[in-house]
C-alpha atoms as a PDB file:
ATOM      1  CA  MET A   1       0.000   0.000   0.000  1.00  0.00           C
ATOM      2  CA  ARG A   2       2.741   2.425   1.001  1.00  0.00           C
ATOM      3  CA  ARG A   3       4.742   1.780  -2.150  1.00  0.00           C
ATOM      4  CA  GLN A   4       1.678   2.170  -4.359  1.00  0.00           C
ATOM      5  CA  ALA A   5       0.701   5.456  -2.678  1.00  0.00           C
ATOM      6  CA  GLY A   6       4.309   6.601  -3.039  1.00  0.00           C
ATOM      7  CA  GLU A   7       4.245   5.822  -6.762  1.00  0.00           C
ATOM      8  CA  GLN A   8       1.042   7.827  -7.155  1.00  0.00           C
ATOM      9  CA  ARG A   9       2.552  10.813  -5.311  1.00  0.00           C
ATOM     10  CA  LEU A  10       5.712  10.541  -7.380  1.00  0.00           C
ATOM     11  CA  SER A  11       3.700  10.385 -10.598  1.00  0.00           C
ATOM     12  CA  SER A  12       1.704  13.466  -9.620  1.00  0.00           C
ATOM     13  CA  THR A  13       4.828  15.394  -8.651  1.00  0.00           C
ATOM     14  CA  LEU A  14       6.646  14.428 -11.844  1.00  0.00           C
ATOM     15  CA  SER A  15       3.664  15.510 -13.913  1.00  0.00           C
ATOM     16  CA  SER A  16       3.832  18.961 -12.340  1.00  0.00           C
ATOM     17  CA  LEU A  17       7.603  19.138 -12.726  1.00  0.00           C
ATOM     18  CA  ALA A  18       7.314  18.082 -16.378  1.00  0.00           C
ATOM     19  CA  SER A  19       5.053  21.075 -17.021  1.00  0.00           C
ATOM     20  CA  GLN A  20       7.618  23.321 -15.361  1.00  0.00           C
ATOM     21  CA  ALA A  21      10.403  21.727 -17.412  1.00  0.00           C
ATOM     22  CA  GLN A  22       8.486  22.463 -20.614  1.00  0.00           C
ATOM     23  CA  ALA A  23       8.102  26.082 -19.528  1.00  0.00           C
ATOM     24  CA  LEU A  24      11.829  26.207 -18.736  1.00  0.00           C
ATOM     25  CA  ALA A  25      12.683  24.809 -22.166  1.00  0.00           C
ATOM     26  CA  ARG A  26      10.500  27.496 -23.787  1.00  0.00           C
ATOM     27  CA  LEU A  27      12.228  30.203 -21.737  1.00  0.00           C
ATOM     28  CA  VAL A  28      15.645  28.903 -22.774  1.00  0.00           C
ATOM     29  CA  GLN A  29      14.580  29.001 -26.434  1.00  0.00           C
ATOM     30  CA  GLN A  30      13.136  32.477 -25.961  1.00  0.00           C
ATOM     31  CA  TYR A  31      16.364  33.703 -24.355  1.00  0.00           C
ATOM     32  CA  GLN A  32      18.463  32.190 -27.119  1.00  0.00           C
ATOM     33  CA  GLY A  33      16.237  33.716 -29.802  1.00  0.00           C
ATOM     34  CA  GLN A  34      15.799  37.180 -28.303  1.00  0.00           C
ATOM     35  CA  CYS A  35      18.975  37.747 -26.346  1.00  0.00           C
ATOM     36  CA  ALA A  36      21.712  36.162 -28.453  1.00  0.00           C
ATOM     37  CA  GLY A  37      24.430  38.596 -29.479  1.00  0.00           C
ATOM     38  CA  SER A  38      25.601  41.571 -27.485  1.00  0.00           C
ATOM     39  CA  ARG A  39      23.869  44.214 -29.659  1.00  0.00           C
ATOM     40  CA  VAL A  40      20.501  42.484 -29.466  1.00  0.00           C
ATOM     41  CA  TYR A  41      20.971  41.911 -25.753  1.00  0.00           C
ATOM     42  CA  THR A  42      21.716  45.600 -25.134  1.00  0.00           C
ATOM     43  CA  GLU A  43      18.573  46.652 -27.002  1.00  0.00           C
ATOM     44  CA  ARG A  44      16.412  44.266 -24.979  1.00  0.00           C
ATOM     45  CA  ALA A  45      18.247  44.258 -21.654  1.00  0.00           C
ATOM     46  CA  ASN A  46      15.167  44.498 -19.425  1.00  0.00           C
ATOM     47  CA  SER A  47      13.363  41.723 -21.262  1.00  0.00           C
ATOM     48  CA  CYS A  48      16.483  39.546 -21.269  1.00  0.00           C
ATOM     49  CA  ASP A  49      17.020  40.149 -17.551  1.00  0.00           C
ATOM     50  CA  SER A  50      13.445  39.073 -16.858  1.00  0.00           C
ATOM     51  CA  ILE A  51      13.749  35.916 -18.948  1.00  0.00           C
ATOM     52  CA  TYR A  52      17.079  35.131 -17.282  1.00  0.00           C
ATOM     53  CA  SER A  53      15.528  35.486 -13.823  1.00  0.00           C
ATOM     54  CA  ASP A  54      12.655  33.205 -14.793  1.00  0.00           C
ATOM     55  CA  ILE A  55      15.103  30.592 -16.095  1.00  0.00           C
ATOM     56  CA  GLY A  56      16.949  30.630 -12.776  1.00  0.00           C
ATOM     57  CA  ARG A  57      13.747  30.284 -10.757  1.00  0.00           C
ATOM     58  CA  TYR A  58      12.452  27.405 -12.852  1.00  0.00           C
ATOM     59  CA  ALA A  59      15.782  25.559 -12.869  1.00  0.00           C
ATOM     60  CA  LEU A  60      16.087  25.768  -9.072  1.00  0.00           C
ATOM     61  CA  SER A  61      12.471  24.804  -8.507  1.00  0.00           C
ATOM     62  CA  ILE A  62      12.651  21.794 -10.805  1.00  0.00           C
ATOM     63  CA  GLY A  63      15.993  20.615  -9.431  1.00  0.00           C
ATOM     64  CA  ARG A  64      14.780  20.846  -5.859  1.00  0.00           C
ATOM     65  CA  GLY A  65      11.483  19.224  -6.794  1.00  0.00           C
ATOM     66  CA  LEU A  66      13.219  16.260  -8.395  1.00  0.00           C
ATOM     67  CA  GLU A  67      15.451  15.778  -5.366  1.00  0.00           C
ATOM     68  CA  ARG A  68      12.499  15.985  -2.973  1.00  0.00           C
ATOM     69  CA  ALA A  69      10.403  13.629  -5.120  1.00  0.00           C
ATOM     70  CA  GLU A  70      13.146  11.017  -5.222  1.00  0.00           C
ATOM     71  CA  ASP A  71      13.775  11.326  -1.474  1.00  0.00           C
ATOM     72  CA  ASP A  72      10.061  10.880  -0.786  1.00  0.00           C
ATOM     73  CA  ALA A  73       9.944   7.905  -3.165  1.00  0.00           C
ATOM     74  CA  ARG A  74      12.818   6.261  -1.283  1.00  0.00           C
ATOM     75  CA  LYS A  75      11.009   6.796   2.020  1.00  0.00           C
ATOM     76  CA  ASP A  76       7.897   5.228   0.502  1.00  0.00           C
ATOM     77  CA  SER A  77       9.935   2.231  -0.715  1.00  0.00           C
ATOM     78  CA  VAL A  78       9.302   2.961  -4.393  1.00  0.00           C
ATOM     79  CA  LEU A  79      11.694   0.767  -6.331  1.00  0.00           C
ATOM     80  CA  PRO A  80      14.540   2.646  -8.078  1.00  0.00           C
ATOM     81  CA  GLY A  81      13.634   1.066 -11.413  1.00  0.00           C
ATOM     82  CA  ARG A  82      10.090   2.371 -11.067  1.00  0.00           C
ATOM     83  CA  VAL A  83      11.404   5.863 -10.269  1.00  0.00           C
ATOM     84  CA  ARG A  84      13.489   5.762 -13.463  1.00  0.00           C
ATOM     85  CA  GLU A  85      10.495   4.541 -15.474  1.00  0.00           C
ATOM     86  CA  LEU A  86       8.297   7.357 -14.200  1.00  0.00           C
ATOM     87  CA  ARG A  87      10.954   9.991 -14.806  1.00  0.00           C
ATOM     88  CA  THR A  88      11.307   8.730 -18.373  1.00  0.00           C
ATOM     89  CA  GLN A  89       7.521   8.607 -18.814  1.00  0.00           C
ATOM     90  CA  TYR A  90       7.275  12.291 -17.856  1.00  0.00           C
ATOM     91  CA  GLY A  91      10.275  13.324 -19.930  1.00  0.00           C
ATOM     92  CA  LEU A  92      12.441  14.008 -16.888  1.00  0.00           C
ATOM     93  CA  ASP A  93      15.034  11.302 -17.297  1.00  0.00           C
ATOM     94  CA  HIS A  94      18.557  12.158 -16.213  1.00  0.00           C
ATOM     95  CA  ARG A  95      19.800  12.788 -19.750  1.00  0.00           C
ATOM     96  CA  PHE A  96      17.026  15.310 -20.492  1.00  0.00           C
ATOM     97  CA  TRP A  97      17.518  17.087 -17.177  1.00  0.00           C
ATOM     98  CA  ASP A  98      21.307  17.168 -17.615  1.00  0.00           C
ATOM     99  CA  GLU A  99      20.937  18.747 -21.071  1.00  0.00           C
ATOM    100  CA  LEU A 100      18.407  21.318 -19.882  1.00  0.00           C
ATOM    101  CA  SER A 101      20.515  22.161 -16.822  1.00  0.00           C
ATOM    102  CA  SER A 102      23.563  22.543 -19.034  1.00  0.00           C
ATOM    103  CA  LEU A 103      21.719  25.004 -21.275  1.00  0.00           C
ATOM    104  CA  ALA A 104      20.515  26.984 -18.261  1.00  0.00           C
ATOM    105  CA  ASN A 105      24.070  27.092 -16.880  1.00  0.00           C
ATOM    106  CA  ARG A 106      25.424  28.278 -20.225  1.00  0.00           C
ATOM    107  CA  ILE A 107      22.842  31.065 -20.306  1.00  0.00           C
ATOM    108  CA  GLU A 108      23.825  32.038 -16.780  1.00  0.00           C
ATOM    109  CA  ARG A 109      27.484  32.312 -17.804  1.00  0.00           C
ATOM    110  CA  GLU A 110      26.593  34.346 -20.901  1.00  0.00           C
ATOM    111  CA  HIS A 111      24.282  36.619 -18.943  1.00  0.00           C
ATOM    112  CA  LYS A 112      26.887  37.292 -16.257  1.00  0.00           C
ATOM    113  CA  SER A 113      29.550  38.010 -18.855  1.00  0.00           C
ATOM    114  CA  ARG A 114      27.373  40.799 -20.257  1.00  0.00           C
ATOM    115  CA  ARG A 115      26.991  42.556 -16.921  1.00  0.00           C
END
């Protein structure tokens, strides 16, 4: 019972985090499209700053959410293989998250270099 309830909580949490990850991916694309290049960035500095801030908030929220979800799943005795399956099902497998985190980190470096 505990494991099954834990899987349901994990599934619900991952569904919410997947929506946030999609929003983060859109923000990253928006930043890359609108803020690439120093001249463009200078012309749109306020907008780029806002997008950058949103990227940071989403990345932290998703990262913390994934950690918390996996910790809760462990406490509920959800099998590690099942956790991996659910993360993959919701598009939050480690490879996807690593790539998205890498893009967010690259944007952070670029943004800081312009300041």
